[in-house]
Amino acid sequence: MSLIDGRTPEAFFANLLLPLKRHNASRGVEYFALRPDATQETYWQEIATRTGGLGTVPANCDPVALLDQLAEYWRANGDPALPRLLPYLKQLREALAADTAAAPAPASGKDAELSDSVYPLF
């Protein structure tokens, strides 16, 4: 297997997420089960928090602090693999932020508006 060079989303996916997926699959680790578990009598749980324990994220939050908070959440839930992605997530964030900063400003001086045919899916 050859690694994809660079700090790009494609490299992050190919070099880190795919190997983690394969590693977890070999050990039976699932983050989101795709099929019912026959040993479970019920899937009902009391609601602990509306956010699943992660908390709220203000619109102007520091992205690095948010990644640190996410890694702490993973550690608290006993996942040994996901916190190891933190340095790579920070590198990817820096690369994406640099690309965004280098992008040309909109010609009109205003933020680009979305077309009427674009709508969010929930």
PDB file of N, CA and C in Angstrom:
ATOM      1  N   MET A   1       0.854  -1.180   0.000  1.00  0.00           N
ATOM      2  CA  MET A   1       0.000   0.000   0.000  1.00  0.00           C
ATOM      3  C   MET A   1       0.891   1.232   0.000  1.00  0.00           C
ATOM      4  N   SER A   2       0.614   2.162  -0.860  1.00  0.00           N
ATOM      5  CA  SER A   2       1.385   3.397  -0.889  1.00  0.00           C
ATOM      6  C   SER A   2       0.592   4.494  -0.200  1.00  0.00           C
ATOM      7  N   LEU A   3       1.316   5.350   0.523  1.00  0.00           N
ATOM      8  CA  LEU A   3       0.665   6.448   1.210  1.00  0.00           C
ATOM      9  C   LEU A   3       0.453   7.600   0.251  1.00  0.00           C
ATOM     10  N   ILE A   4      -0.628   8.311   0.438  1.00  0.00           N
ATOM     11  CA  ILE A   4      -0.892   9.508  -0.348  1.00  0.00           C
ATOM     12  C   ILE A   4      -0.143  10.645   0.333  1.00  0.00           C
ATOM     13  N   ASP A   5       0.641  11.377  -0.433  1.00  0.00           N
ATOM     14  CA  ASP A   5       1.433  12.464   0.130  1.00  0.00           C
ATOM     15  C   ASP A   5       0.574  13.691   0.396  1.00  0.00           C
ATOM     16  N   GLY A   6       1.021  14.469   1.366  1.00  0.00           N
ATOM     17  CA  GLY A   6       0.408  15.768   1.599  1.00  0.00           C
ATOM     18  C   GLY A   6      -0.569  15.774   2.746  1.00  0.00           C
ATOM     19  N   ARG A   7      -0.897  16.989   3.163  1.00  0.00           N
ATOM     20  CA  ARG A   7      -1.873  17.197   4.235  1.00  0.00           C
ATOM     21  C   ARG A   7      -3.200  17.551   3.600  1.00  0.00           C
ATOM     22  N   THR A   8      -3.782  16.598   2.942  1.00  0.00           N
ATOM     23  CA  THR A   8      -5.039  16.815   2.249  1.00  0.00           C
ATOM     24  C   THR A   8      -6.118  15.914   2.848  1.00  0.00           C
ATOM     25  N   PRO A   9      -7.374  16.228   2.619  1.00  0.00           N
ATOM     26  CA  PRO A   9      -8.431  15.330   3.087  1.00  0.00           C
ATOM     27  C   PRO A   9      -8.275  13.919   2.514  1.00  0.00           C
ATOM     28  N   GLU A  10      -7.832  13.835   1.254  1.00  0.00           N
ATOM     29  CA  GLU A  10      -7.652  12.512   0.630  1.00  0.00           C
ATOM     30  C   GLU A  10      -6.568  11.719   1.349  1.00  0.00           C
ATOM     31  N   ALA A  11      -5.471  12.378   1.711  1.00  0.00           N
ATOM     32  CA  ALA A  11      -4.383  11.705   2.422  1.00  0.00           C
ATOM     33  C   ALA A  11      -4.851  11.275   3.807  1.00  0.00           C
ATOM     34  N   PHE A  12      -5.582  12.139   4.504  1.00  0.00           N
ATOM     35  CA  PHE A  12      -6.098  11.805   5.830  1.00  0.00           C
ATOM     36  C   PHE A  12      -6.987  10.562   5.757  1.00  0.00           C
ATOM     37  N   PHE A  13      -7.859  10.538   4.774  1.00  0.00           N
ATOM     38  CA  PHE A  13      -8.762   9.403   4.611  1.00  0.00           C
ATOM     39  C   PHE A  13      -7.985   8.125   4.277  1.00  0.00           C
ATOM     40  N   ALA A  14      -7.110   8.204   3.267  1.00  0.00           N
ATOM     41  CA  ALA A  14      -6.404   7.014   2.786  1.00  0.00           C
ATOM     42  C   ALA A  14      -5.370   6.499   3.781  1.00  0.00           C
ATOM     43  N   ASN A  15      -4.655   7.399   4.438  1.00  0.00           N
ATOM     44  CA  ASN A  15      -3.542   6.994   5.287  1.00  0.00           C
ATOM     45  C   ASN A  15      -3.934   6.722   6.728  1.00  0.00           C
ATOM     46  N   LEU A  16      -5.051   7.278   7.179  1.00  0.00           N
ATOM     47  CA  LEU A  16      -5.415   7.142   8.586  1.00  0.00           C
ATOM     48  C   LEU A  16      -6.774   6.498   8.804  1.00  0.00           C
ATOM     49  N   LEU A  17      -7.805   7.017   8.139  1.00  0.00           N
ATOM     50  CA  LEU A  17      -9.146   6.495   8.406  1.00  0.00           C
ATOM     51  C   LEU A  17      -9.363   5.092   7.848  1.00  0.00           C
ATOM     52  N   LEU A  18      -8.896   4.827   6.634  1.00  0.00           N
ATOM     53  CA  LEU A  18      -9.081   3.474   6.085  1.00  0.00           C
ATOM     54  C   LEU A  18      -8.336   2.413   6.895  1.00  0.00           C
ATOM     55  N   PRO A  19      -7.063   2.633   7.264  1.00  0.00           N
ATOM     56  CA  PRO A  19      -6.399   1.636   8.118  1.00  0.00           C
ATOM     57  C   PRO A  19      -7.096   1.464   9.469  1.00  0.00           C
ATOM     58  N   LEU A  20      -7.603   2.569  10.053  1.00  0.00           N
ATOM     59  CA  LEU A  20      -8.330   2.460  11.315  1.00  0.00           C
ATOM     60  C   LEU A  20      -9.603   1.643  11.132  1.00  0.00           C
ATOM     61  N   LYS A  21     -10.292   1.855  10.020  1.00  0.00           N
ATOM     62  CA  LYS A  21     -11.500   1.076   9.733  1.00  0.00           C
ATOM     63  C   LYS A  21     -11.174  -0.415   9.643  1.00  0.00           C
ATOM     64  N   ARG A  22     -10.103  -0.741   8.927  1.00  0.00           N
ATOM     65  CA  ARG A  22      -9.716  -2.154   8.785  1.00  0.00           C
ATOM     66  C   ARG A  22      -9.315  -2.752  10.130  1.00  0.00           C
ATOM     67  N   HIS A  23      -8.564  -1.991  10.914  1.00  0.00           N
ATOM     68  CA  HIS A  23      -8.137  -2.449  12.234  1.00  0.00           C
ATOM     69  C   HIS A  23      -9.354  -2.716  13.128  1.00  0.00           C
ATOM     70  N   ASN A  24     -10.287  -1.757  13.141  1.00  0.00           N
ATOM     71  CA  ASN A  24     -11.485  -1.932  13.961  1.00  0.00           C
ATOM     72  C   ASN A  24     -12.341  -3.090  13.475  1.00  0.00           C
ATOM     73  N   ALA A  25     -12.442  -3.266  12.166  1.00  0.00           N
ATOM     74  CA  ALA A  25     -13.239  -4.368  11.622  1.00  0.00           C
ATOM     75  C   ALA A  25     -12.660  -5.711  12.039  1.00  0.00           C
ATOM     76  N   SER A  26     -11.329  -5.811  12.073  1.00  0.00           N
ATOM     77  CA  SER A  26     -10.711  -7.082  12.460  1.00  0.00           C
ATOM     78  C   SER A  26     -10.944  -7.401  13.931  1.00  0.00           C
ATOM     79  N   ARG A  27     -11.253  -6.395  14.734  1.00  0.00           N
ATOM     80  CA  ARG A  27     -11.494  -6.587  16.161  1.00  0.00           C
ATOM     81  C   ARG A  27     -12.978  -6.481  16.539  1.00  0.00           C
ATOM     82  N   GLY A  28     -13.822  -6.274  15.533  1.00  0.00           N
ATOM     83  CA  GLY A  28     -15.259  -6.202  15.795  1.00  0.00           C
ATOM     84  C   GLY A  28     -15.710  -4.891  16.418  1.00  0.00           C
ATOM     85  N   VAL A  29     -14.906  -3.832  16.295  1.00  0.00           N
ATOM     86  CA  VAL A  29     -15.271  -2.518  16.842  1.00  0.00           C
ATOM     87  C   VAL A  29     -16.138  -1.790  15.816  1.00  0.00           C
ATOM     88  N   GLU A  30     -17.301  -1.308  16.264  1.00  0.00           N
ATOM     89  CA  GLU A  30     -18.196  -0.550  15.394  1.00  0.00           C
ATOM     90  C   GLU A  30     -18.596   0.725  16.111  1.00  0.00           C
ATOM     91  N   TYR A  31     -18.510   1.849  15.412  1.00  0.00           N
ATOM     92  CA  TYR A  31     -18.975   3.110  15.983  1.00  0.00           C
ATOM     93  C   TYR A  31     -20.472   3.275  15.743  1.00  0.00           C
ATOM     94  N   PHE A  32     -20.914   2.866  14.589  1.00  0.00           N
ATOM     95  CA  PHE A  32     -22.326   2.918  14.247  1.00  0.00           C
ATOM     96  C   PHE A  32     -22.698   1.565  13.652  1.00  0.00           C
ATOM     97  N   ALA A  33     -23.339   0.731  14.438  1.00  0.00           N
ATOM     98  CA  ALA A  33     -23.703  -0.608  13.980  1.00  0.00           C
ATOM     99  C   ALA A  33     -24.691  -0.510  12.820  1.00  0.00           C
ATOM    100  N   LEU A  34     -24.446  -1.291  11.792  1.00  0.00           N
ATOM    101  CA  LEU A  34     -25.309  -1.264  10.616  1.00  0.00           C
ATOM    102  C   LEU A  34     -26.396  -2.332  10.659  1.00  0.00           C
ATOM    103  N   ARG A  35     -26.340  -3.180  11.662  1.00  0.00           N
ATOM    104  CA  ARG A  35     -27.339  -4.243  11.771  1.00  0.00           C
ATOM    105  C   ARG A  35     -27.704  -4.426  13.244  1.00  0.00           C
ATOM    106  N   PRO A  36     -28.854  -4.974  13.515  1.00  0.00           N
ATOM    107  CA  PRO A  36     -29.263  -5.164  14.913  1.00  0.00           C
ATOM    108  C   PRO A  36     -28.371  -6.186  15.618  1.00  0.00           C
ATOM    109  N   ASP A  37     -28.212  -5.995  16.907  1.00  0.00           N
ATOM    110  CA  ASP A  37     -27.454  -6.918  17.746  1.00  0.00           C
ATOM    111  C   ASP A  37     -28.447  -7.880  18.389  1.00  0.00           C
ATOM    112  N   ALA A  38     -28.354  -9.154  18.033  1.00  0.00           N
ATOM    113  CA  ALA A  38     -29.313 -10.149  18.519  1.00  0.00           C
ATOM    114  C   ALA A  38     -29.230 -10.329  20.032  1.00  0.00           C
ATOM    115  N   THR A  39     -28.101  -9.954  20.639  1.00  0.00           N
ATOM    116  CA  THR A  39     -27.969 -10.122  22.084  1.00  0.00           C
ATOM    117  C   THR A  39     -28.623  -8.984  22.859  1.00  0.00           C
ATOM    118  N   GLN A  40     -28.984  -7.904  22.183  1.00  0.00           N
ATOM    119  CA  GLN A  40     -29.619  -6.768  22.847  1.00  0.00           C
ATOM    120  C   GLN A  40     -31.113  -7.019  23.000  1.00  0.00           C
ATOM    121  N   GLU A  41     -31.588  -6.900  24.213  1.00  0.00           N
ATOM    122  CA  GLU A  41     -33.013  -7.035  24.454  1.00  0.00           C
ATOM    123  C   GLU A  41     -33.757  -5.788  23.979  1.00  0.00           C
ATOM    124  N   THR A  42     -33.133  -4.639  24.186  1.00  0.00           N
ATOM    125  CA  THR A  42     -33.703  -3.369  23.754  1.00  0.00           C
ATOM    126  C   THR A  42     -32.573  -2.381  23.501  1.00  0.00           C
ATOM    127  N   TYR A  43     -32.858  -1.384  22.719  1.00  0.00           N
ATOM    128  CA  TYR A  43     -31.883  -0.325  22.485  1.00  0.00           C
ATOM    129  C   TYR A  43     -32.264   0.950  23.236  1.00  0.00           C
ATOM    130  N   TRP A  44     -33.307   0.904  24.024  1.00  0.00           N
ATOM    131  CA  TRP A  44     -33.766   2.078  24.741  1.00  0.00           C
ATOM    132  C   TRP A  44     -32.743   2.494  25.792  1.00  0.00           C
ATOM    133  N   GLN A  45     -32.445   3.802  25.838  1.00  0.00           N
ATOM    134  CA  GLN A  45     -31.595   4.384  26.870  1.00  0.00           C
ATOM    135  C   GLN A  45     -32.213   5.699  27.296  1.00  0.00           C
ATOM    136  N   GLU A  46     -32.019   6.039  28.546  1.00  0.00           N
ATOM    137  CA  GLU A  46     -32.443   7.351  28.999  1.00  0.00           C
ATOM    138  C   GLU A  46     -31.550   8.397  28.332  1.00  0.00           C
ATOM    139  N   ILE A  47     -32.112   9.545  28.048  1.00  0.00           N
ATOM    140  CA  ILE A  47     -31.346  10.620  27.430  1.00  0.00           C
ATOM    141  C   ILE A  47     -30.460  11.250  28.495  1.00  0.00           C
ATOM    142  N   ALA A  48     -29.144  11.183  28.298  1.00  0.00           N
ATOM    143  CA  ALA A  48     -28.204  11.761  29.248  1.00  0.00           C
ATOM    144  C   ALA A  48     -28.115  13.276  29.029  1.00  0.00           C
ATOM    145  N   THR A  49     -27.889  13.667  27.790  1.00  0.00           N
ATOM    146  CA  THR A  49     -27.867  15.083  27.422  1.00  0.00           C
ATOM    147  C   THR A  49     -28.361  15.173  25.988  1.00  0.00           C
ATOM    148  N   ARG A  50     -28.738  16.346  25.594  1.00  0.00           N
ATOM    149  CA  ARG A  50     -29.186  16.528  24.212  1.00  0.00           C
ATOM    150  C   ARG A  50     -28.037  16.385  23.230  1.00  0.00           C
ATOM    151  N   THR A  51     -26.812  16.590  23.703  1.00  0.00           N
ATOM    152  CA  THR A  51     -25.657  16.540  22.813  1.00  0.00           C
ATOM    153  C   THR A  51     -24.845  15.275  22.976  1.00  0.00           C
ATOM    154  N   GLY A  52     -25.319  14.318  23.729  1.00  0.00           N
ATOM    155  CA  GLY A  52     -24.567  13.085  23.918  1.00  0.00           C
ATOM    156  C   GLY A  52     -23.327  13.279  24.772  1.00  0.00           C
ATOM    157  N   GLY A  53     -23.267  14.362  25.537  1.00  0.00           N
ATOM    158  CA  GLY A  53     -22.146  14.598  26.426  1.00  0.00           C
ATOM    159  C   GLY A  53     -21.070  15.489  25.861  1.00  0.00           C
ATOM    160  N   LEU A  54     -21.140  15.830  24.592  1.00  0.00           N
ATOM    161  CA  LEU A  54     -20.089  16.642  23.995  1.00  0.00           C
ATOM    162  C   LEU A  54     -20.207  18.111  24.369  1.00  0.00           C
ATOM    163  N   GLY A  55     -21.388  18.576  24.662  1.00  0.00           N
ATOM    164  CA  GLY A  55     -21.564  19.970  25.022  1.00  0.00           C
ATOM    165  C   GLY A  55     -21.993  20.802  23.843  1.00  0.00           C
ATOM    166  N   THR A  56     -21.873  22.097  23.991  1.00  0.00           N
ATOM    167  CA  THR A  56     -22.262  23.005  22.922  1.00  0.00           C
ATOM    168  C   THR A  56     -21.017  23.610  22.291  1.00  0.00           C
ATOM    169  N   VAL A  57     -21.158  24.032  21.064  1.00  0.00           N
ATOM    170  CA  VAL A  57     -20.050  24.632  20.328  1.00  0.00           C
ATOM    171  C   VAL A  57     -20.496  26.015  19.877  1.00  0.00           C
ATOM    172  N   PRO A  58     -19.887  27.069  20.442  1.00  0.00           N
ATOM    173  CA  PRO A  58     -20.246  28.413  19.997  1.00  0.00           C
ATOM    174  C   PRO A  58     -19.752  28.658  18.575  1.00  0.00           C
ATOM    175  N   ALA A  59     -20.416  29.547  17.872  1.00  0.00           N
ATOM    176  CA  ALA A  59     -20.075  29.817  16.477  1.00  0.00           C
ATOM    177  C   ALA A  59     -18.654  30.349  16.327  1.00  0.00           C
ATOM    178  N   ASN A  60     -18.148  31.056  17.330  1.00  0.00           N
ATOM    179  CA  ASN A  60     -16.821  31.644  17.228  1.00  0.00           C
ATOM    180  C   ASN A  60     -15.772  30.853  18.018  1.00  0.00           C
ATOM    181  N   CYS A  61     -15.983  29.556  18.177  1.00  0.00           N
ATOM    182  CA  CYS A  61     -15.074  28.749  18.992  1.00  0.00           C
ATOM    183  C   CYS A  61     -13.718  28.576  18.304  1.00  0.00           C
ATOM    184  N   ASP A  62     -12.712  28.324  19.123  1.00  0.00           N
ATOM    185  CA  ASP A  62     -11.370  28.065  18.626  1.00  0.00           C
ATOM    186  C   ASP A  62     -11.338  26.638  18.071  1.00  0.00           C
ATOM    187  N   PRO A  63     -11.003  26.447  16.794  1.00  0.00           N
ATOM    188  CA  PRO A  63     -11.032  25.110  16.207  1.00  0.00           C
ATOM    189  C   PRO A  63     -10.078  24.129  16.883  1.00  0.00           C
ATOM    190  N   VAL A  64      -8.910  24.602  17.307  1.00  0.00           N
ATOM    191  CA  VAL A  64      -7.952  23.712  17.980  1.00  0.00           C
ATOM    192  C   VAL A  64      -8.513  23.267  19.323  1.00  0.00           C
ATOM    193  N   ALA A  65      -9.127  24.187  20.059  1.00  0.00           N
ATOM    194  CA  ALA A  65      -9.735  23.831  21.338  1.00  0.00           C
ATOM    195  C   ALA A  65     -10.880  22.840  21.134  1.00  0.00           C
ATOM    196  N   LEU A  66     -11.628  23.004  20.062  1.00  0.00           N
ATOM    197  CA  LEU A  66     -12.714  22.075  19.754  1.00  0.00           C
ATOM    198  C   LEU A  66     -12.156  20.673  19.478  1.00  0.00           C
ATOM    199  N   LEU A  67     -11.064  20.594  18.731  1.00  0.00           N
ATOM    200  CA  LEU A  67     -10.440  19.292  18.474  1.00  0.00           C
ATOM    201  C   LEU A  67      -9.928  18.670  19.769  1.00  0.00           C
ATOM    202  N   ASP A  68      -9.354  19.489  20.646  1.00  0.00           N
ATOM    203  CA  ASP A  68      -8.896  18.980  21.949  1.00  0.00           C
ATOM    204  C   ASP A  68     -10.065  18.448  22.770  1.00  0.00           C
ATOM    205  N   GLN A  69     -11.190  19.167  22.722  1.00  0.00           N
ATOM    206  CA  GLN A  69     -12.387  18.734  23.447  1.00  0.00           C
ATOM    207  C   GLN A  69     -12.902  17.415  22.873  1.00  0.00           C
ATOM    208  N   LEU A  70     -12.864  17.282  21.554  1.00  0.00           N
ATOM    209  CA  LEU A  70     -13.301  16.047  20.914  1.00  0.00           C
ATOM    210  C   LEU A  70     -12.398  14.880  21.313  1.00  0.00           C
ATOM    211  N   ALA A  71     -11.087  15.098  21.329  1.00  0.00           N
ATOM    212  CA  ALA A  71     -10.159  14.040  21.732  1.00  0.00           C
ATOM    213  C   ALA A  71     -10.402  13.627  23.184  1.00  0.00           C
ATOM    214  N   GLU A  72     -10.676  14.603  24.044  1.00  0.00           N
ATOM    215  CA  GLU A  72     -10.963  14.288  25.442  1.00  0.00           C
ATOM    216  C   GLU A  72     -12.249  13.469  25.561  1.00  0.00           C
ATOM    217  N   TYR A  73     -13.232  13.798  24.739  1.00  0.00           N
ATOM    218  CA  TYR A  73     -14.481  13.027  24.706  1.00  0.00           C
ATOM    219  C   TYR A  73     -14.207  11.579  24.295  1.00  0.00           C
ATOM    220  N   TRP A  74     -13.373  11.405  23.272  1.00  0.00           N
ATOM    221  CA  TRP A  74     -13.021  10.053  22.832  1.00  0.00           C
ATOM    222  C   TRP A  74     -12.302   9.287  23.939  1.00  0.00           C
ATOM    223  N   ARG A  75     -11.359   9.947  24.618  1.00  0.00           N
ATOM    224  CA  ARG A  75     -10.621   9.292  25.715  1.00  0.00           C
ATOM    225  C   ARG A  75     -11.578   8.897  26.839  1.00  0.00           C
ATOM    226  N   ALA A  76     -12.490   9.805  27.199  1.00  0.00           N
ATOM    227  CA  ALA A  76     -13.435   9.543  28.285  1.00  0.00           C
ATOM    228  C   ALA A  76     -14.339   8.366  27.960  1.00  0.00           C
ATOM    229  N   ASN A  77     -14.583   8.140  26.668  1.00  0.00           N
ATOM    230  CA  ASN A  77     -15.424   7.015  26.263  1.00  0.00           C
ATOM    231  C   ASN A  77     -14.614   5.751  26.013  1.00  0.00           C
ATOM    232  N   GLY A  78     -13.324   5.784  26.329  1.00  0.00           N
ATOM    233  CA  GLY A  78     -12.505   4.583  26.274  1.00  0.00           C
ATOM    234  C   GLY A  78     -12.014   4.179  24.904  1.00  0.00           C
ATOM    235  N   ASP A  79     -12.015   5.093  23.940  1.00  0.00           N
ATOM    236  CA  ASP A  79     -11.534   4.740  22.604  1.00  0.00           C
ATOM    237  C   ASP A  79     -10.036   5.045  22.515  1.00  0.00           C
ATOM    238  N   PRO A  80      -9.184   4.025  22.351  1.00  0.00           N
ATOM    239  CA  PRO A  80      -7.747   4.280  22.301  1.00  0.00           C
ATOM    240  C   PRO A  80      -7.253   4.777  20.941  1.00  0.00           C
ATOM    241  N   ALA A  81      -8.004   4.522  19.884  1.00  0.00           N
ATOM    242  CA  ALA A  81      -7.515   4.825  18.536  1.00  0.00           C
ATOM    243  C   ALA A  81      -7.827   6.252  18.093  1.00  0.00           C
ATOM    244  N   LEU A  82      -9.030   6.710  18.324  1.00  0.00           N
ATOM    245  CA  LEU A  82      -9.429   8.017  17.804  1.00  0.00           C
ATOM    246  C   LEU A  82      -8.587   9.184  18.346  1.00  0.00           C
ATOM    247  N   PRO A  83      -8.222   9.210  19.636  1.00  0.00           N
ATOM    248  CA  PRO A  83      -7.388  10.327  20.102  1.00  0.00           C
ATOM    249  C   PRO A  83      -6.027  10.409  19.398  1.00  0.00           C
ATOM    250  N   ARG A  84      -5.547   9.303  18.877  1.00  0.00           N
ATOM    251  CA  ARG A  84      -4.269   9.325  18.154  1.00  0.00           C
ATOM    252  C   ARG A  84      -4.373  10.068  16.824  1.00  0.00           C
ATOM    253  N   LEU A  85      -5.592  10.300  16.354  1.00  0.00           N
ATOM    254  CA  LEU A  85      -5.789  11.062  15.122  1.00  0.00           C
ATOM    255  C   LEU A  85      -5.649  12.566  15.342  1.00  0.00           C
ATOM    256  N   LEU A  86      -5.632  13.008  16.603  1.00  0.00           N
ATOM    257  CA  LEU A  86      -5.656  14.436  16.906  1.00  0.00           C
ATOM    258  C   LEU A  86      -4.554  15.242  16.209  1.00  0.00           C
ATOM    259  N   PRO A  87      -3.271  14.837  16.250  1.00  0.00           N
ATOM    260  CA  PRO A  87      -2.256  15.650  15.560  1.00  0.00           C
ATOM    261  C   PRO A  87      -2.531  15.771  14.062  1.00  0.00           C
ATOM    262  N   TYR A  88      -3.039  14.712  13.466  1.00  0.00           N
ATOM    263  CA  TYR A  88      -3.324  14.721  12.033  1.00  0.00           C
ATOM    264  C   TYR A  88      -4.556  15.578  11.726  1.00  0.00           C
ATOM    265  N   LEU A  89      -5.540  15.541  12.613  1.00  0.00           N
ATOM    266  CA  LEU A  89      -6.710  16.401  12.440  1.00  0.00           C
ATOM    267  C   LEU A  89      -6.308  17.876  12.522  1.00  0.00           C
ATOM    268  N   LYS A  90      -5.384  18.187  13.435  1.00  0.00           N
ATOM    269  CA  LYS A  90      -4.913  19.571  13.556  1.00  0.00           C
ATOM    270  C   LYS A  90      -4.139  19.995  12.307  1.00  0.00           C
ATOM    271  N   GLN A  91      -3.313  19.101  11.767  1.00  0.00           N
ATOM    272  CA  GLN A  91      -2.593  19.407  10.537  1.00  0.00           C
ATOM    273  C   GLN A  91      -3.561  19.633   9.384  1.00  0.00           C
ATOM    274  N   LEU A  92      -4.568  18.765   9.289  1.00  0.00           N
ATOM    275  CA  LEU A  92      -5.555  18.901   8.224  1.00  0.00           C
ATOM    276  C   LEU A  92      -6.320  20.210   8.371  1.00  0.00           C
ATOM    277  N   ARG A  93      -6.686  20.575   9.583  1.00  0.00           N
ATOM    278  CA  ARG A  93      -7.379  21.840   9.825  1.00  0.00           C
ATOM    279  C   ARG A  93      -6.515  23.013   9.380  1.00  0.00           C
ATOM    280  N   GLU A  94      -5.222  22.972   9.706  1.00  0.00           N
ATOM    281  CA  GLU A  94      -4.312  24.046   9.299  1.00  0.00           C
ATOM    282  C   GLU A  94      -4.218  24.142   7.783  1.00  0.00           C
ATOM    283  N   ALA A  95      -4.121  22.997   7.114  1.00  0.00           N
ATOM    284  CA  ALA A  95      -4.022  22.996   5.654  1.00  0.00           C
ATOM    285  C   ALA A  95      -5.291  23.545   5.020  1.00  0.00           C
ATOM    286  N   LEU A  96      -6.449  23.143   5.527  1.00  0.00           N
ATOM    287  CA  LEU A  96      -7.716  23.638   4.979  1.00  0.00           C
ATOM    288  C   LEU A  96      -7.888  25.128   5.260  1.00  0.00           C
ATOM    289  N   ALA A  97      -7.462  25.572   6.446  1.00  0.00           N
ATOM    290  CA  ALA A  97      -7.557  26.996   6.773  1.00  0.00           C
ATOM    291  C   ALA A  97      -6.637  27.812   5.871  1.00  0.00           C
ATOM    292  N   ALA A  98      -5.452  27.287   5.578  1.00  0.00           N
ATOM    293  CA  ALA A  98      -4.524  27.993   4.690  1.00  0.00           C
ATOM    294  C   ALA A  98      -5.099  28.089   3.282  1.00  0.00           C
ATOM    295  N   ASP A  99      -5.718  27.015   2.812  1.00  0.00           N
ATOM    296  CA  ASP A  99      -6.353  27.040   1.486  1.00  0.00           C
ATOM    297  C   ASP A  99      -7.478  28.068   1.445  1.00  0.00           C
ATOM    298  N   THR A 100      -8.251  28.134   2.509  1.00  0.00           N
ATOM    299  CA  THR A 100      -9.360  29.085   2.571  1.00  0.00           C
ATOM    300  C   THR A 100      -8.837  30.517   2.598  1.00  0.00           C
ATOM    301  N   ALA A 101      -7.781  30.752   3.366  1.00  0.00           N
ATOM    302  CA  ALA A 101      -7.213  32.098   3.453  1.00  0.00           C
ATOM    303  C   ALA A 101      -6.612  32.533   2.121  1.00  0.00           C
ATOM    304  N   ALA A 102      -6.087  31.566   1.357  1.00  0.00           N
ATOM    305  CA  ALA A 102      -5.458  31.893   0.076  1.00  0.00           C
ATOM    306  C   ALA A 102      -6.472  32.047  -1.051  1.00  0.00           C
ATOM    307  N   ALA A 103      -7.707  31.643  -0.819  1.00  0.00           N
ATOM    308  CA  ALA A 103      -8.730  31.723  -1.869  1.00  0.00           C
ATOM    309  C   ALA A 103      -9.060  33.187  -2.158  1.00  0.00           C
ATOM    310  N   PRO A 104      -9.338  33.502  -3.415  1.00  0.00           N
ATOM    311  CA  PRO A 104      -9.684  34.884  -3.756  1.00  0.00           C
ATOM    312  C   PRO A 104     -11.009  35.291  -3.115  1.00  0.00           C
ATOM    313  N   ALA A 105     -11.095  36.561  -2.768  1.00  0.00           N
ATOM    314  CA  ALA A 105     -12.321  37.097  -2.172  1.00  0.00           C
ATOM    315  C   ALA A 105     -13.401  37.167  -3.242  1.00  0.00           C
ATOM    316  N   PRO A 106     -14.665  37.073  -2.843  1.00  0.00           N
ATOM    317  CA  PRO A 106     -15.755  37.220  -3.820  1.00  0.00           C
ATOM    318  C   PRO A 106     -15.663  38.574  -4.512  1.00  0.00           C
ATOM    319  N   ALA A 107     -15.998  38.598  -5.785  1.00  0.00           N
ATOM    320  CA  ALA A 107     -15.868  39.813  -6.592  1.00  0.00           C
ATOM    321  C   ALA A 107     -16.736  40.953  -6.076  1.00  0.00           C
ATOM    322  N   SER A 108     -17.886  40.661  -5.551  1.00  0.00           N
ATOM    323  CA  SER A 108     -18.811  41.709  -5.129  1.00  0.00           C
ATOM    324  C   SER A 108     -18.472  42.270  -3.750  1.00  0.00           C
ATOM    325  N   GLY A 109     -17.539  41.636  -3.047  1.00  0.00           N
ATOM    326  CA  GLY A 109     -17.214  42.091  -1.702  1.00  0.00           C
ATOM    327  C   GLY A 109     -18.147  41.520  -0.654  1.00  0.00           C
ATOM    328  N   LYS A 110     -19.167  40.812  -1.081  1.00  0.00           N
ATOM    329  CA  LYS A 110     -20.103  40.172  -0.165  1.00  0.00           C
ATOM    330  C   LYS A 110     -19.885  38.671  -0.217  1.00  0.00           C
ATOM    331  N   ASP A 111     -20.376  37.993   0.781  1.00  0.00           N
ATOM    332  CA  ASP A 111     -20.324  36.537   0.756  1.00  0.00           C
ATOM    333  C   ASP A 111     -21.176  36.029  -0.393  1.00  0.00           C
ATOM    334  N   ALA A 112     -20.707  34.964  -0.995  1.00  0.00           N
ATOM    335  CA  ALA A 112     -21.469  34.367  -2.098  1.00  0.00           C
ATOM    336  C   ALA A 112     -22.794  33.838  -1.555  1.00  0.00           C
ATOM    337  N   GLU A 113     -23.836  34.019  -2.307  1.00  0.00           N
ATOM    338  CA  GLU A 113     -25.142  33.523  -1.899  1.00  0.00           C
ATOM    339  C   GLU A 113     -25.399  32.183  -2.554  1.00  0.00           C
ATOM    340  N   LEU A 114     -26.142  31.367  -1.859  1.00  0.00           N
ATOM    341  CA  LEU A 114     -26.492  30.063  -2.413  1.00  0.00           C
ATOM    342  C   LEU A 114     -27.666  30.199  -3.354  1.00  0.00           C
ATOM    343  N   SER A 115     -27.670  29.348  -4.339  1.00  0.00           N
ATOM    344  CA  SER A 115     -28.767  29.313  -5.283  1.00  0.00           C
ATOM    345  C   SER A 115     -30.044  28.876  -4.576  1.00  0.00           C
ATOM    346  N   ASP A 116     -31.189  29.280  -5.108  1.00  0.00           N
ATOM    347  CA  ASP A 116     -32.471  28.874  -4.538  1.00  0.00           C
ATOM    348  C   ASP A 116     -32.667  27.366  -4.614  1.00  0.00           C
ATOM    349  N   SER A 117     -31.932  26.703  -5.519  1.00  0.00           N
ATOM    350  CA  SER A 117     -32.114  25.262  -5.666  1.00  0.00           C
ATOM    351  C   SER A 117     -31.307  24.467  -4.648  1.00  0.00           C
ATOM    352  N   VAL A 118     -30.537  25.152  -3.809  1.00  0.00           N
ATOM    353  CA  VAL A 118     -29.760  24.481  -2.766  1.00  0.00           C
ATOM    354  C   VAL A 118     -30.529  24.581  -1.451  1.00  0.00           C
ATOM    355  N   TYR A 119     -30.690  23.463  -0.764  1.00  0.00           N
ATOM    356  CA  TYR A 119     -31.395  23.472   0.483  1.00  0.00           C
ATOM    357  C   TYR A 119     -30.778  22.425   1.410  1.00  0.00           C
ATOM    358  N   PRO A 120     -30.860  22.626   2.716  1.00  0.00           N
ATOM    359  CA  PRO A 120     -30.257  21.658   3.642  1.00  0.00           C
ATOM    360  C   PRO A 120     -31.132  20.413   3.755  1.00  0.00           C
ATOM    361  N   LEU A 121     -30.483  19.305   3.961  1.00  0.00           N
ATOM    362  CA  LEU A 121     -31.179  18.051   4.185  1.00  0.00           C
ATOM    363  C   LEU A 121     -30.983  17.641   5.641  1.00  0.00           C
ATOM    364  N   PHE A 122     -32.055  17.314   6.303  1.00  0.00           N
ATOM    365  CA  PHE A 122     -31.964  16.894   7.697  1.00  0.00           C
ATOM    366  C   PHE A 122     -32.536  15.521   7.845  1.00  0.00           C
TER     367      PHE A 122
END
